[in-house]
Protein backbone atom coordinates (compact mmCIF):
# COMPACT_ATOMS: atom_id res chain seq x y z
CA MET A 1 41.38 178.59 98.57
CA SER A 2 41.24 175.19 100.29
CA ILE A 3 38.40 172.72 100.41
CA ASP A 4 38.09 173.54 104.13
CA ASP A 5 37.56 177.19 103.31
CA LYS A 6 34.97 176.34 100.64
CA ILE A 7 32.98 174.03 102.88
CA VAL A 8 33.29 176.11 106.02
CA GLY A 9 32.60 179.26 104.01
CA LEU A 10 29.11 177.97 103.43
CA SER A 11 28.44 178.50 107.11
CA LYS A 12 28.59 182.26 106.75
CA TYR A 13 25.21 181.98 105.04
CA MET A 14 23.77 180.16 108.05
CA ILE A 15 21.54 181.94 110.49
CA SER A 16 20.34 180.92 113.90
CA LEU A 17 16.72 179.99 113.29
CA PRO A 18 14.02 181.18 115.69
CA SER A 19 12.01 178.68 117.68
CA THR A 20 8.78 177.17 116.35
CA LYS A 21 6.78 179.27 118.80
CA ALA A 22 8.48 182.49 117.64
CA SER A 23 7.73 181.74 113.99
CA VAL A 24 4.07 180.89 114.73
CA LEU A 25 3.57 184.07 116.77
CA SER A 26 5.24 186.13 114.05
CA MET A 27 2.98 184.67 111.35
CA THR A 28 -0.10 185.35 113.49
CA PHE A 29 0.86 188.97 114.21
CA VAL A 30 2.10 189.88 110.71
CA SER A 31 -0.89 188.32 108.93
CA PHE A 32 -3.40 190.11 111.15
CA ILE A 33 -1.67 193.49 110.67
CA LEU A 34 -1.41 192.90 106.91
CA GLY A 35 -5.11 192.09 106.64
CA SER A 36 -6.02 195.18 108.68
CA ILE A 37 -3.87 197.49 106.57
CA VAL A 38 -5.24 196.14 103.30
CA SER A 39 -8.80 196.43 104.58
CA LEU A 40 -8.21 200.03 105.67
CA ILE A 41 -6.64 201.21 102.41
CA GLU A 42 -9.28 199.54 100.21
CA PRO A 43 -12.65 201.33 99.81
CA ALA A 44 -15.11 199.60 102.13
CA ALA A 45 -18.73 200.58 102.04
CA ASN A 46 -20.75 200.69 105.26
CA ARG A 47 -17.79 199.68 107.45
CA SER A 48 -16.25 201.71 110.22
CA ILE A 49 -12.49 201.90 110.77
CA LEU A 50 -12.75 199.55 113.76
CA ASP A 51 -14.83 197.06 111.77
CA SER A 52 -12.33 197.23 108.89
CA PHE A 53 -9.47 196.66 111.28
CA ILE A 54 -11.06 193.65 113.00
CA TYR A 55 -12.65 192.21 109.85
CA GLY A 56 -9.56 192.70 107.68
CA GLY A 57 -7.20 191.44 110.36
CA SER A 58 -9.25 188.29 110.86
CA ALA A 59 -9.37 187.68 107.11
CA GLY A 60 -5.60 188.25 106.83
CA PHE A 61 -4.94 185.79 109.62
CA LEU A 62 -7.19 183.14 108.07
CA MET A 63 -5.76 183.55 104.57
CA PHE A 64 -2.07 183.98 105.37
CA GLY A 65 -1.30 183.28 109.02
CA LEU A 66 -3.40 180.18 109.69
CA MET A 67 -2.70 178.65 106.28
CA SER A 68 1.05 179.26 106.64
CA ILE A 69 1.08 177.72 110.11
CA MET A 70 -0.76 174.70 108.73
CA ALA A 71 1.70 174.48 105.85
CA GLY A 72 4.62 174.52 108.27
CA GLY A 73 3.05 171.74 110.30
CA ILE A 74 2.36 169.64 107.20
CA THR A 75 5.69 170.17 105.43
CA GLN A 76 7.90 168.76 108.19
CA PRO A 77 6.36 165.25 108.36
CA MET A 78 6.07 165.15 104.55
CA ILE A 79 9.81 165.74 104.18
CA ASN A 80 10.75 163.39 107.02
CA ARG A 81 8.84 160.51 105.44
CA LEU A 82 11.16 160.74 102.46
CA GLU A 83 14.71 159.40 102.39
CA GLY A 84 16.46 162.68 102.86
CA ARG A 85 17.81 164.99 105.52
CA HIS A 86 15.68 165.11 108.65
CA MET A 87 13.82 168.39 108.91
CA LYS A 88 13.06 170.03 112.24
CA MET A 89 9.74 171.71 112.95
CA LYS A 90 11.41 175.06 113.60
CA GLN A 91 13.01 174.88 110.15
CA SER A 92 9.67 174.11 108.51
CA MET A 93 7.92 176.92 110.40
CA PHE A 94 10.66 179.42 109.57
CA LEU A 95 10.38 178.55 105.88
CA ALA A 96 6.63 179.02 106.13
CA PHE A 97 7.14 182.40 107.84
CA VAL A 98 9.59 183.63 105.19
CA SER A 99 7.25 182.44 102.44
CA MET A 100 4.32 184.20 104.09
CA MET A 101 6.32 187.42 104.30
CA MET A 102 6.99 187.25 100.56
CA VAL A 103 3.28 186.77 99.90
CA ALA A 104 2.45 189.59 102.29
CA VAL A 105 4.77 192.09 100.61
CA ILE A 106 3.60 191.33 97.06
CA TYR A 107 -0.06 191.16 98.08
CA GLY A 108 0.24 194.41 100.03
CA VAL A 109 1.86 196.22 97.10
CA GLY A 110 -0.84 194.94 94.75
CA SER A 111 -3.57 196.14 97.10
CA LEU A 112 -1.96 199.56 97.46
CA ILE A 113 -1.65 200.02 93.70
CA SER A 114 -5.27 198.94 93.26
CA THR A 115 -6.48 201.89 95.36
CA TYR A 116 -5.15 204.30 92.71
CA THR A 117 -6.27 202.43 89.58
CA ILE A 118 -9.56 201.45 88.01
CA TYR A 119 -8.63 197.78 87.83
CA SER A 120 -8.02 195.74 91.04
CA TYR A 121 -4.65 194.01 90.99
CA THR A 122 -5.11 192.41 94.42
CA ILE A 123 -5.95 188.90 93.22
CA ASP A 124 -3.33 189.00 90.46
CA ALA A 125 -0.70 190.09 92.97
CA LEU A 126 -1.73 187.16 95.17
CA VAL A 127 -1.39 184.76 92.25
CA PHE A 128 2.04 186.14 91.42
CA ALA A 129 3.10 185.87 95.07
CA CYS A 130 1.95 182.26 95.38
CA ALA A 131 3.82 181.30 92.20
CA VAL A 132 7.02 182.91 93.50
CA VAL A 133 6.64 181.24 96.90
CA PHE A 134 6.08 177.87 95.27
CA ALA A 135 9.31 178.27 93.32
CA VAL A 136 11.26 179.42 96.38
CA ARG A 137 9.95 176.57 98.53
CA THR A 138 10.78 174.08 95.78
CA ILE A 139 14.42 175.08 95.50
CA VAL A 140 14.84 175.36 99.29
CA LEU A 141 13.36 171.94 100.03
CA TRP A 142 15.07 170.33 97.06
CA SER A 143 18.48 171.74 97.87
CA THR A 144 18.48 171.31 101.64
CA SER A 145 16.66 168.01 102.14
CA ASN A 146 18.62 165.83 99.71
CA ILE A 147 15.46 164.60 98.01
CA SER A 148 14.61 164.51 94.31
CA PHE A 149 13.12 167.42 92.44
CA LEU A 150 9.76 165.70 91.94
CA LYS A 151 9.52 164.67 95.59
CA SER A 152 10.05 168.23 96.73
CA ILE A 153 7.10 169.59 94.74
CA PRO A 154 4.21 168.19 96.90
CA ALA A 155 5.73 169.68 100.06
CA ALA A 156 6.56 172.94 98.30
CA ILE A 157 3.04 173.42 96.97
CA THR A 158 1.24 173.05 100.31
CA GLN A 159 1.47 176.69 101.38
CA PRO A 160 0.38 178.31 98.09
CA VAL A 161 -2.49 175.80 97.73
CA LEU A 162 -3.74 176.40 101.27
CA ILE A 163 -3.59 180.18 100.86
CA ILE A 164 -5.45 180.16 97.54
CA SER A 165 -7.99 177.68 98.89
CA MET A 166 -8.77 179.88 101.89
CA VAL A 167 -9.07 182.95 99.64
CA ILE A 168 -11.59 181.14 97.46
CA VAL A 169 -13.56 180.01 100.51
CA LEU A 170 -13.68 183.50 102.00
CA VAL A 171 -14.62 185.08 98.68
CA SER A 172 -17.38 182.55 98.13
CA LEU A 173 -18.80 183.02 101.64
CA THR A 174 -18.42 186.75 102.13
CA SER A 175 -18.14 188.23 98.64
CA LEU A 176 -14.91 190.03 99.52
CA THR A 177 -14.28 191.01 95.91
CA THR A 178 -16.00 190.86 92.54
CA ASN A 179 -13.23 189.66 90.26
CA ILE A 180 -13.25 186.14 91.62
CA GLY A 181 -16.15 183.80 91.88
CA TYR A 182 -17.45 180.47 90.80
CA PHE A 183 -16.89 181.05 87.10
CA SER A 184 -13.39 182.58 87.54
CA ILE A 185 -11.90 179.86 89.76
CA ILE A 186 -10.75 177.67 86.87
CA PRO A 187 -8.99 180.53 85.00
CA LEU A 188 -7.43 181.60 88.30
CA ILE A 189 -6.00 178.13 88.90
CA PHE A 190 -4.83 178.00 85.28
CA LYS A 191 -2.92 181.24 85.85
CA ILE A 192 -1.20 179.83 88.93
CA VAL A 193 -0.30 176.53 87.29
CA ILE A 194 1.27 178.11 84.21
CA ALA A 195 3.17 180.69 86.29
CA SER A 196 4.47 177.97 88.62
CA ILE A 197 5.56 175.81 85.71
CA ILE A 198 7.55 178.68 84.20
CA LEU A 199 9.41 179.32 87.47
CA VAL A 200 10.00 175.66 88.31
CA VAL A 201 11.35 174.93 84.82
CA ALA A 202 13.72 177.87 85.22
CA ILE A 203 14.89 176.55 88.61
CA TYR A 204 15.37 173.01 87.35
CA SER A 205 17.27 174.18 84.28
CA PHE A 206 19.51 176.43 86.37
CA VAL A 207 20.35 173.71 88.88
CA ALA A 208 20.86 171.07 86.18
CA VAL A 209 23.34 173.25 84.33
CA LEU A 210 25.32 174.10 87.47
CA GLU A 211 25.32 170.56 88.88
CA SER A 212 26.57 168.88 85.70
CA PRO A 213 30.27 169.83 86.16
CA MET A 214 30.37 168.51 89.73
CA LYS A 215 28.54 165.30 88.89
CA ARG A 216 30.77 164.75 85.87
CA ASN A 217 34.04 165.48 87.69
CA LEU A 218 33.34 164.17 91.17
CA GLY A 219 30.23 162.03 90.98
CA VAL A 220 28.31 164.11 93.53
CA GLY A 221 25.77 166.85 92.99
CA GLY A 222 26.17 170.30 94.45
CA LEU A 223 22.73 170.15 96.10
CA GLU A 224 23.60 166.83 97.70
CA LEU A 225 26.83 168.31 99.04
CA LEU A 226 24.93 171.32 100.40
CA SER A 227 22.23 169.23 102.06
CA LEU A 228 24.78 166.93 103.70
CA PHE A 229 26.68 169.94 104.99
CA LEU A 230 23.46 171.32 106.44
CA ALA A 231 22.76 167.94 108.03
CA HIS A 232 26.16 168.10 109.71
CA THR A 233 25.63 171.69 110.85
CA THR A 234 22.13 171.18 112.26
CA GLU A 235 22.19 167.53 113.33
CA GLU A 236 25.92 166.69 113.60
CA SER A 237 25.32 164.07 110.91
CA LYS A 238 28.41 162.38 109.45
CA ALA A 239 26.73 161.45 106.17
CA LEU A 240 29.07 163.86 104.36
CA GLU A 241 31.90 161.44 105.11
CA GLY A 242 30.33 158.98 102.66
CA VAL A 243 30.79 161.48 99.83
CA PHE A 244 34.40 162.12 100.81
CA GLU A 245 35.11 158.39 101.07
CA ASP A 246 33.98 157.92 97.48
CA MET A 247 36.22 160.77 96.37
CA GLY A 248 39.23 160.06 98.60
CA GLU A 249 42.65 158.69 97.79
CA ALA A 250 45.13 156.83 99.97
CA VAL A 251 48.39 158.47 101.03
CA ASP A 252 51.34 157.54 103.21
CA THR A 253 52.33 160.06 105.83
CA LEU A 254 54.20 160.27 109.14
CA ILE A 255 53.58 160.58 112.84
CA SER A 256 56.17 161.28 115.52
CA VAL A 257 55.68 159.94 119.03
CA ILE A 258 57.53 161.37 122.03
CA SER A 259 56.85 159.32 125.15
CA PHE A 260 57.59 160.21 128.77
CA ARG A 261 57.56 157.68 131.59
CA ASN A 262 58.21 157.75 135.31
CA GLY A 263 58.74 154.95 137.80
CA ALA A 264 55.06 154.03 137.66
CA GLY A 265 54.91 153.78 133.86
CA LEU A 266 53.70 155.98 131.03
CA LYS A 267 53.28 159.62 132.12
CA ALA A 268 52.55 161.56 128.93
CA LEU A 269 52.59 161.46 125.14
CA PHE A 270 53.47 164.23 122.70
CA LEU A 271 52.16 163.26 119.25
CA THR A 272 52.85 165.07 116.00
CA PRO A 273 50.82 163.52 113.16
CA CYS A 274 51.33 164.86 109.64
CA VAL A 275 47.57 164.57 109.20
CA HIS A 276 45.41 167.64 108.82
CA PRO A 277 42.51 168.07 111.31
CA GLY A 278 39.83 168.85 108.79
CA PRO A 279 37.66 169.54 106.98
CA VAL A 280 35.11 170.76 109.55
CA GLY A 281 33.36 169.98 112.83
CA ASN A 282 33.24 166.23 113.47
CA ILE A 283 33.56 165.42 109.77
CA GLY A 284 36.66 163.43 108.79
CA GLY A 285 39.55 164.45 111.01
CA GLY A 286 37.94 167.73 112.05
CA ASN A 287 38.12 166.78 115.73
CA MET A 288 41.13 164.46 115.42
CA PRO A 289 43.25 166.08 118.18
CA THR A 290 40.60 165.27 120.78
CA GLN A 291 39.57 161.94 119.27
CA LEU A 292 43.16 160.72 119.15
CA ALA A 293 44.10 162.03 122.59
CA ASN A 294 41.08 160.30 124.15
CA LYS A 295 42.34 156.94 122.91
CA PHE A 296 45.12 156.94 125.52
CA ASP A 297 44.82 156.77 129.30
CA THR A 298 47.38 159.47 129.96
CA VAL A 299 47.95 163.14 129.20
CA THR A 300 48.27 163.19 125.41
CA MET A 301 49.18 166.33 123.50
CA VAL A 302 48.37 166.15 119.79
CA SER A 303 50.30 168.91 118.07
CA HIS A 304 49.96 170.00 114.44
CA GLY A 305 52.40 168.30 112.10
CA PRO A 306 53.28 169.72 108.68
CA SER A 307 50.23 169.02 106.53
CA THR A 308 47.69 170.94 104.49
CA HIS A 309 44.05 170.35 103.60
CA ASP A 310 45.09 167.71 101.08
CA PHE A 311 45.71 165.44 104.08
CA ASN A 312 42.23 165.70 105.56
CA PRO A 313 41.00 162.21 106.52
CA VAL A 314 37.82 161.40 104.61
CA SER A 315 36.15 159.95 107.72
CA SER A 316 36.63 159.76 111.47
CA LYS A 317 37.29 156.02 111.04
CA GLU A 318 40.68 156.89 109.56
CA VAL A 319 41.77 158.24 112.97
CA LYS A 320 41.85 154.62 114.13
CA LYS A 321 44.74 153.99 111.73
CA VAL A 322 46.70 156.79 113.37
CA GLU A 323 46.00 155.34 116.81
CA ASN A 324 47.16 151.89 115.73
CA VAL A 325 50.49 153.27 114.49
CA VAL A 326 51.05 155.06 117.81
CA ARG A 327 50.32 151.92 119.81
CA GLU A 328 52.66 149.88 117.65
CA ALA A 329 55.42 152.47 118.06
CA MET A 330 55.10 152.40 121.85
CA LYS A 331 55.88 148.68 121.95
CA ASP A 332 59.51 149.23 121.03
CA MET A 333 61.02 152.57 122.06
CA ASP A 334 64.51 153.31 123.39
CA TYR A 335 64.28 155.58 126.42
CA SER A 336 66.83 158.13 127.53
CA LYS A 337 67.21 160.02 130.81
CA THR A 338 68.71 163.15 129.27
CA ALA A 339 67.66 166.21 127.33
CA SER A 340 69.11 169.56 126.32
CA LYS A 341 68.02 173.05 127.21
CA PHE A 342 65.51 174.83 125.01
CA ARG A 343 66.91 177.24 122.42
CA THR A 344 65.34 179.58 119.89
CA ILE A 345 66.83 180.18 116.43
CA LYS A 346 65.57 183.03 114.26
CA ASN A 347 66.13 183.38 110.53
CA GLY A 348 64.11 185.96 108.64
CA LYS A 349 60.47 185.38 109.55
CA ALA A 350 61.14 181.85 110.79
CA ASN A 351 61.38 181.20 114.53
CA LEU A 352 62.51 177.73 115.52
CA GLY A 353 62.33 176.55 119.12
CA VAL A 354 64.48 173.44 119.56
CA GLN A 355 65.19 170.93 122.31
CA TYR A 356 66.95 167.58 122.22
CA PHE A 357 65.39 164.59 123.94
CA GLY A 358 68.08 161.92 124.02
CA ASN A 359 69.34 161.79 120.45
CA SER A 360 66.06 163.03 119.00
CA LEU A 361 65.28 166.65 118.19
CA LEU A 362 62.00 168.47 118.69
CA MET A 363 61.60 171.61 116.54
CA LEU A 364 58.74 174.07 117.03
CA ALA A 365 58.26 176.25 113.94
CA THR A 366 56.40 179.54 113.94
CA PHE A 367 56.43 182.67 111.82
CA SER A 368 54.78 184.83 114.45
CA PRO A 369 54.26 187.76 114.66
CA GLU A 370 53.91 187.46 110.88
CA GLY A 371 50.72 185.69 109.78
CA SER A 372 50.93 182.11 108.58
CA ASP A 373 48.91 178.94 108.22
CA ASP A 374 49.73 175.31 107.41
CA ILE A 375 53.23 174.15 106.53
CA ASP A 376 53.21 171.75 103.57
CA PHE A 377 54.04 168.11 104.31
CA GLY A 378 56.93 168.08 101.83
CA ILE A 379 58.54 171.08 103.50
CA GLY A 380 58.22 169.49 106.93
CA LEU A 381 59.74 166.28 105.60
CA ALA A 382 62.63 168.20 104.05
CA ALA A 383 63.27 170.10 107.31
CA SER A 384 63.27 166.89 109.38
CA ASN A 385 65.55 165.08 106.97
CA LEU A 386 67.90 168.06 106.88
CA ALA A 387 68.08 168.06 110.67
CA ASN A 388 68.75 164.33 110.78
CA VAL A 389 71.60 164.60 108.29
CA THR A 390 73.10 167.87 109.58
CA HIS A 391 72.89 167.17 113.29
CA LYS A 392 73.08 163.35 113.24
CA THR A 393 69.80 162.89 115.10
CA GLU A 394 67.77 159.71 115.13
CA ASN A 395 64.42 161.47 114.90
CA ALA A 396 63.87 165.10 114.03
CA VAL A 397 60.29 166.18 114.73
CA LEU A 398 58.95 169.39 113.21
CA VAL A 399 55.83 170.91 114.82
CA ASP A 400 53.84 173.57 113.02
CA CYS A 401 52.89 175.81 115.96
CA HIS A 402 50.05 177.29 113.90
CA ASN A 403 49.80 180.31 116.17
CA SER A 404 49.56 183.43 114.00
CA PHE A 405 46.43 183.61 111.91
CA LYS A 406 46.43 185.01 108.38
CA ARG A 407 43.12 184.70 106.56
CA GLU A 408 44.37 184.15 103.03
CA GLY A 409 47.70 183.22 101.53
CA GLY A 410 49.28 182.15 104.81
CA ARG A 411 50.22 178.60 103.86
CA ILE A 412 53.90 177.75 103.69
CA LEU A 413 54.25 176.06 100.32
CA PRO A 414 57.18 175.05 98.09
CA GLY A 415 58.79 178.10 96.58
CA ASN A 416 57.84 180.49 99.37
CA ARG A 417 60.68 182.56 100.79
CA GLU A 418 59.73 181.34 104.27
CA VAL A 419 60.68 177.77 103.26
CA PHE A 420 64.33 178.65 102.85
CA GLN A 421 64.31 180.75 106.00
CA LEU A 422 63.00 177.71 107.89
CA LEU A 423 65.60 175.38 106.35
CA ASP A 424 68.41 177.84 107.10
CA ALA A 425 67.20 178.01 110.72
CA VAL A 426 67.42 174.20 110.90
CA LYS A 427 71.05 174.37 109.70
CA GLU A 428 71.86 176.90 112.43
CA ILE A 429 70.77 174.65 115.32
CA PRO A 430 73.81 174.49 117.62
CA LYS A 431 75.25 171.51 119.42
CA MET A 432 73.87 171.35 122.92
CA GLY A 433 74.85 169.42 125.98
CA ARG A 434 72.52 166.98 127.71
CA ASP A 435 71.48 166.69 131.33
CA SER A 436 68.87 164.79 133.31
CA LEU A 437 65.33 166.03 132.83
CA ARG A 438 62.23 166.50 134.86
CA MET A 439 58.78 166.84 133.36
CA GLY A 440 55.35 167.78 134.63
CA CYS A 441 52.07 168.03 132.77
CA ALA A 442 48.49 169.17 133.29
CA GLN A 443 45.33 169.71 131.30
CA ASP A 444 42.15 171.72 131.57
CA PRO A 445 39.11 171.19 129.28
CA MET A 446 38.26 174.88 129.73
CA ASP A 447 34.52 174.30 129.91
CA GLN A 448 34.06 178.02 130.56
CA VAL A 449 35.17 178.76 126.98
CA SER A 450 33.07 177.28 124.18
CA LYS A 451 33.99 176.28 120.65
CA ASP A 452 32.18 179.44 119.50
CA GLU A 453 34.89 181.32 121.39
CA GLY A 454 37.69 179.40 119.70
CA VAL A 455 38.50 176.51 122.05
CA GLY A 456 37.69 172.88 121.32
CA GLN A 457 36.99 169.92 123.56
CA SER A 458 40.59 169.37 124.66
CA GLY A 459 40.92 172.88 126.09
CA VAL A 460 44.53 173.55 127.07
CA LYS A 461 47.35 171.15 127.84
CA VAL A 462 50.72 172.16 129.26
CA MET A 463 53.96 170.24 129.52
CA VAL A 464 56.81 171.76 131.53
CA VAL A 465 60.32 170.37 130.91
CA GLU A 466 63.15 171.21 133.30
CA VAL A 467 66.77 170.68 132.28
CA SER A 468 69.74 172.12 134.20
CA GLY A 469 67.42 174.47 136.08
CA GLN A 470 65.79 175.85 132.90
CA LYS A 471 62.02 175.41 132.83
CA THR A 472 60.31 175.36 129.44
CA ALA A 473 56.53 175.37 129.00
CA TYR A 474 54.97 173.70 125.97
CA ILE A 475 51.45 175.16 125.82
CA LEU A 476 48.93 173.54 123.49
CA LEU A 477 45.48 175.03 122.88
CA ASP A 478 42.81 172.98 121.11
CA SER A 479 42.13 175.74 118.62
CA ASN A 480 42.43 176.59 114.96
CA ASN A 481 45.24 179.12 114.82
CA MET A 482 45.57 182.24 116.94
CA VAL A 483 44.97 185.96 116.59
CA ILE A 484 48.22 187.72 115.73
CA GLY A 485 49.89 188.98 118.89
CA PHE A 486 48.05 186.66 121.29
CA ARG A 487 50.97 184.20 121.30
CA GLU A 488 53.34 186.91 122.48
CA LYS A 489 50.92 188.02 125.18
CA ILE A 490 50.57 184.45 126.48
CA ILE A 491 54.32 183.87 126.57
CA GLU A 492 55.00 187.18 128.29
CA THR A 493 52.28 186.57 130.90
CA VAL A 494 53.36 183.00 131.64
CA LYS A 495 56.99 183.98 132.03
CA SER A 496 56.30 186.96 134.29
CA ILE A 497 53.81 185.23 136.59
CA THR A 498 54.94 181.61 136.82
CA GLY A 499 58.70 182.03 136.60
CA ILE A 500 58.99 179.89 133.48
CA ASP A 501 62.24 180.55 131.57
CA GLU A 502 61.11 179.64 128.05
CA ALA A 503 57.72 178.97 126.49
CA GLU A 504 56.05 178.29 123.20
CA VAL A 505 52.34 178.29 122.37
CA MET A 506 50.83 175.91 119.85
CA THR A 507 47.36 175.18 118.51
CA THR A 508 46.13 171.79 117.37
CA ASP A 509 44.46 173.28 114.26
CA THR A 510 41.25 171.51 115.22
CA HIS A 511 38.42 172.28 112.81
CA PHE A 512 35.86 171.37 115.45
CA VAL A 513 35.64 175.10 116.23
CA ASN A 514 35.04 176.11 112.59
CA THR A 515 31.28 175.56 112.43
CA LEU A 516 30.64 179.30 112.73
CA ALA A 517 29.47 182.12 110.56
CA GLY A 518 32.43 183.28 108.53
CA GLY A 519 34.21 179.94 108.88
CA HIS A 520 37.49 180.89 110.58
CA ASN A 521 37.60 181.16 114.34
CA PRO A 522 41.14 181.73 115.68
CA VAL A 523 41.59 181.71 119.43
CA GLY A 524 42.11 185.09 121.06
CA MET A 525 39.16 186.90 119.51
CA LYS A 526 37.04 186.41 122.64
CA LYS A 527 37.51 185.75 126.37
CA HIS A 528 41.21 186.68 126.46
CA GLU A 529 41.38 186.86 130.24
CA GLU A 530 39.57 183.57 130.83
CA ILE A 531 41.91 181.82 128.41
CA LEU A 532 44.99 183.39 129.98
CA ASP A 533 43.83 182.42 133.47
CA ALA A 534 43.30 178.82 132.40
CA ILE A 535 46.75 178.67 130.80
CA LEU A 536 48.38 180.12 133.93
CA GLU A 537 46.62 177.65 136.24
CA CYS A 538 47.48 174.75 133.97
CA THR A 539 51.13 175.84 133.83
CA LYS A 540 51.31 176.09 137.63
CA LYS A 541 49.85 172.58 137.96
CA ALA A 542 52.36 171.25 135.45
CA MET A 543 55.20 172.86 137.42
CA ALA A 544 53.90 171.26 140.61
CA ASP A 545 53.88 167.92 138.79
CA LEU A 546 57.60 168.05 137.89
CA GLU A 547 59.47 164.79 138.45
CA GLU A 548 62.34 162.86 136.91
CA VAL A 549 61.33 161.02 133.75
CA GLU A 550 62.74 159.10 130.85
CA THR A 551 61.89 159.97 127.27
CA ALA A 552 61.83 158.23 123.93
CA CYS A 553 60.99 159.30 120.39
CA LYS A 554 60.05 157.47 117.23
CA THR A 555 58.80 158.58 113.81
CA CYS A 556 56.58 156.07 112.02
CA ARG A 557 54.80 155.82 108.71
CA ILE A 558 51.01 155.82 108.51
CA LYS A 559 50.18 153.70 105.47
CA ASP A 560 47.12 153.96 103.24
CA LEU A 561 45.45 156.79 105.11
CA LYS A 562 42.45 157.73 103.02
CA THR A 563 42.37 161.49 102.56
CA LEU A 564 40.86 163.99 100.18
CA GLY A 565 44.26 164.02 98.52
CA PRO A 566 45.86 166.73 96.41
CA LEU A 567 44.09 165.70 93.21
CA HIS A 568 40.51 165.49 94.42
CA ALA A 569 40.83 168.39 96.84
CA THR A 570 42.08 170.63 94.04
CA GLU A 571 39.43 169.35 91.64
CA LEU A 572 36.65 169.94 94.16
CA VAL A 573 37.84 173.46 94.95
CA THR A 574 38.21 174.29 91.25
CA THR A 575 34.76 172.93 90.44
CA ILE A 576 33.08 174.81 93.29
CA SER A 577 34.89 178.01 92.29
CA SER A 578 33.73 177.63 88.68
CA ILE A 579 30.13 177.01 89.76
CA VAL A 580 30.15 180.05 92.04
CA ALA A 581 31.64 182.24 89.29
CA VAL A 582 29.07 181.12 86.70
CA SER A 583 26.09 181.28 89.07
CA ARG A 584 26.80 184.90 89.97
CA ILE A 585 25.95 185.83 86.40
CA PHE A 586 23.65 183.00 85.36
CA ALA A 587 21.36 182.93 88.43
CA PRO A 588 20.15 186.55 88.33
CA LEU A 589 19.69 186.36 84.57
CA VAL A 590 17.61 183.17 84.68
CA PHE A 591 15.37 184.27 87.52
CA ILE A 592 14.84 187.81 86.26
CA VAL A 593 13.80 186.48 82.86
CA ALA A 594 11.53 183.85 84.46
CA LEU A 595 9.90 186.39 86.78
CA PHE A 596 9.43 188.78 83.87
CA PHE A 597 7.50 186.17 81.85
CA VAL A 598 5.42 185.22 84.89
CA PHE A 599 4.65 188.85 85.57
CA ILE A 600 3.59 189.42 81.95
CA TRP A 601 1.55 186.21 81.96
CA ILE A 602 -0.42 187.14 85.07
CA PHE A 603 -0.85 190.89 84.72
CA TYR A 604 -1.24 191.08 80.93
CA TRP A 605 -4.11 188.62 81.13
CA ALA A 606 -5.55 190.73 83.92
CA LEU A 607 -5.74 193.67 81.58
C-alpha cells in the first residue's frame, strides 16, 4: 500500500463534527435526563415522582451538563495558547460531549446496580468514570494538538475536576448521599489521583513504545504526523509539508510539453509531467494539476505522466520547479503545421491511442475496462524510448490515462504482464501520413460538481484535434481515476451526440479530491448526468473553436525535484504498517489491564 493510501486512509476515521450549539444542547438535554433517571431509580424519601424528576434533572445538569460545557469552553483557549494545532470551539465542545456521555453511562450503570445492593456504588462509579475520561481526554488532546504529554494534562483534567467539584458542592449543600462528606473528600481525591496515574502511565507507555520505531527511522513521531494531518484536514494547514521536506530526497524526472499556437500566439498547452499529484489535498503536489495550469495564461491541460507515489513532491513549492522547466522549454520549440490521424492499438489489456504531431508522438495508455492505477516511471520511460527508437520520433510522450479505478493492486510495475502488453502495443504503432491540423479547446470548472463528488478545481478540459476530416476529442477531468465503465459511457455519449470520430478520457490523478472518508474518490460515483452534460458542452465549445494551428513538442528533464522518494516512501509505509499491526494487539491488552487495575483499586477499596 502506498504512502498516499496510508495518509488518506486516516480520513476514514474522520467524522463531520456537530456545531458548538448542537453539542451544548445535547449536553444540556442528556445531563438533565440522566439526572432524572438516576433520581427516579434511587430510593428517595418524601419526594414525589415530579419532584424527583425536576430535582434529579437539575442536579444532573449542574454536575454533568454545566460542568462539561464549562470544560469545553475552557479547553479550547488553553490548547490554543500552546504551540500546537489550533483547536476550534466545536471540536472542544464535541470532546466535552463525548466525555460527558462516557461519564453518564458509567455513572448510570453504577446507580442502577446500587438499587439492588446494600452498598452504594454511585460515587465509586463516578470516580471510575472521571478517571477514564481524564485518560481519554489526555490521549485525544496529546495526539491531535501536537503538544507535549505534560502540556496536555492541564486541559485534559478540567472536565473531571469540574464534575467532581460540583458533586462535592452539591453533596455538602444538600446531603445528596451519605458516603461522601467532609471527612471523605481527601480519600475520594486520593482514589481519583491514583486511578488517573495508572491510566495515564499506561497511555504514555503505549504511545512511547509505538512511536519509537517512527522516530528512530524517520525522525518524526506518529502523534505529530497525525496532528499535522488533522490540521490539514480541518484547517487546510500545510505544516505537514515540513515533515515531508525533512524526509524527502531529490530525483530527476521528465515533463513533456506540447504547445499549440495560432496567428495570435500561444493557444493551448498539453503538459505531461512524470510527477505524481500527491499525497493528499493541498499537501505537496496534491493539487498540482490545477496549480501548474493556473501558472499559464492559456488553456493548459495537465495530464498524468507515468509516475507513482514515490514521485510525490514534498511541498507545493516544488511545483515552481516544474513551471520553470515548462517556461524554459517554450523559449525554443520547433513548430510544425502537420499531424496524423488518431489510431488505437490494442494488445492484451493494453489500449494505446496514438497521434503524431509533427515528428513527435503522443501515446495515451489505458487498460480500461480492466482496473488499473499508476504506471511506474521506469515503464513509461522504457515505452517512450522504445517508440523513439522504433518509429524514429523526436519526442514520444506517454500519458497514463488513469481512467479505470482498481482499489488495490492496480499499479503497473516492472514485471507485470501488462508492461509487456504495453511495450508490444508501442511496437505495433503503424506509420501514418501527415496533414494540416486544426485544433479547438475549451474548459469548464464544473462548479456544480464538488470535490466530494470527485471533481477538482480544474473541472473538465477538452481539446479537439481535426486532421483530414477526422475529429478527435481529448477529454481531461480533474479527478483521481474513474469508476470502471464510466470512460466507455463518456466516449459513447460524446461520439453519438457531438459527431466526434475518436475520443479518449483522461484524469489528472489530482489528490485534491481525496480528503474524504475512505480515502479514494474516483469520478463517476456521483452526479453522472451533470458530469456528462458538462463534458458534452465543453466538447461542443471546443469544436466551435476549431482553427488552423501549429504544434511543437519537447521533453525536458526536471532536476532535483524533492519528492518522498522510493526509499523514504517505502520506509514510511513499512513503519506505519508495523505500528498498526502491533497496536491491534498491544493497545487492547494495555488498556484492558490498566482498566482492570483501576477498577480493582476503586471498587475493592469501596468494599
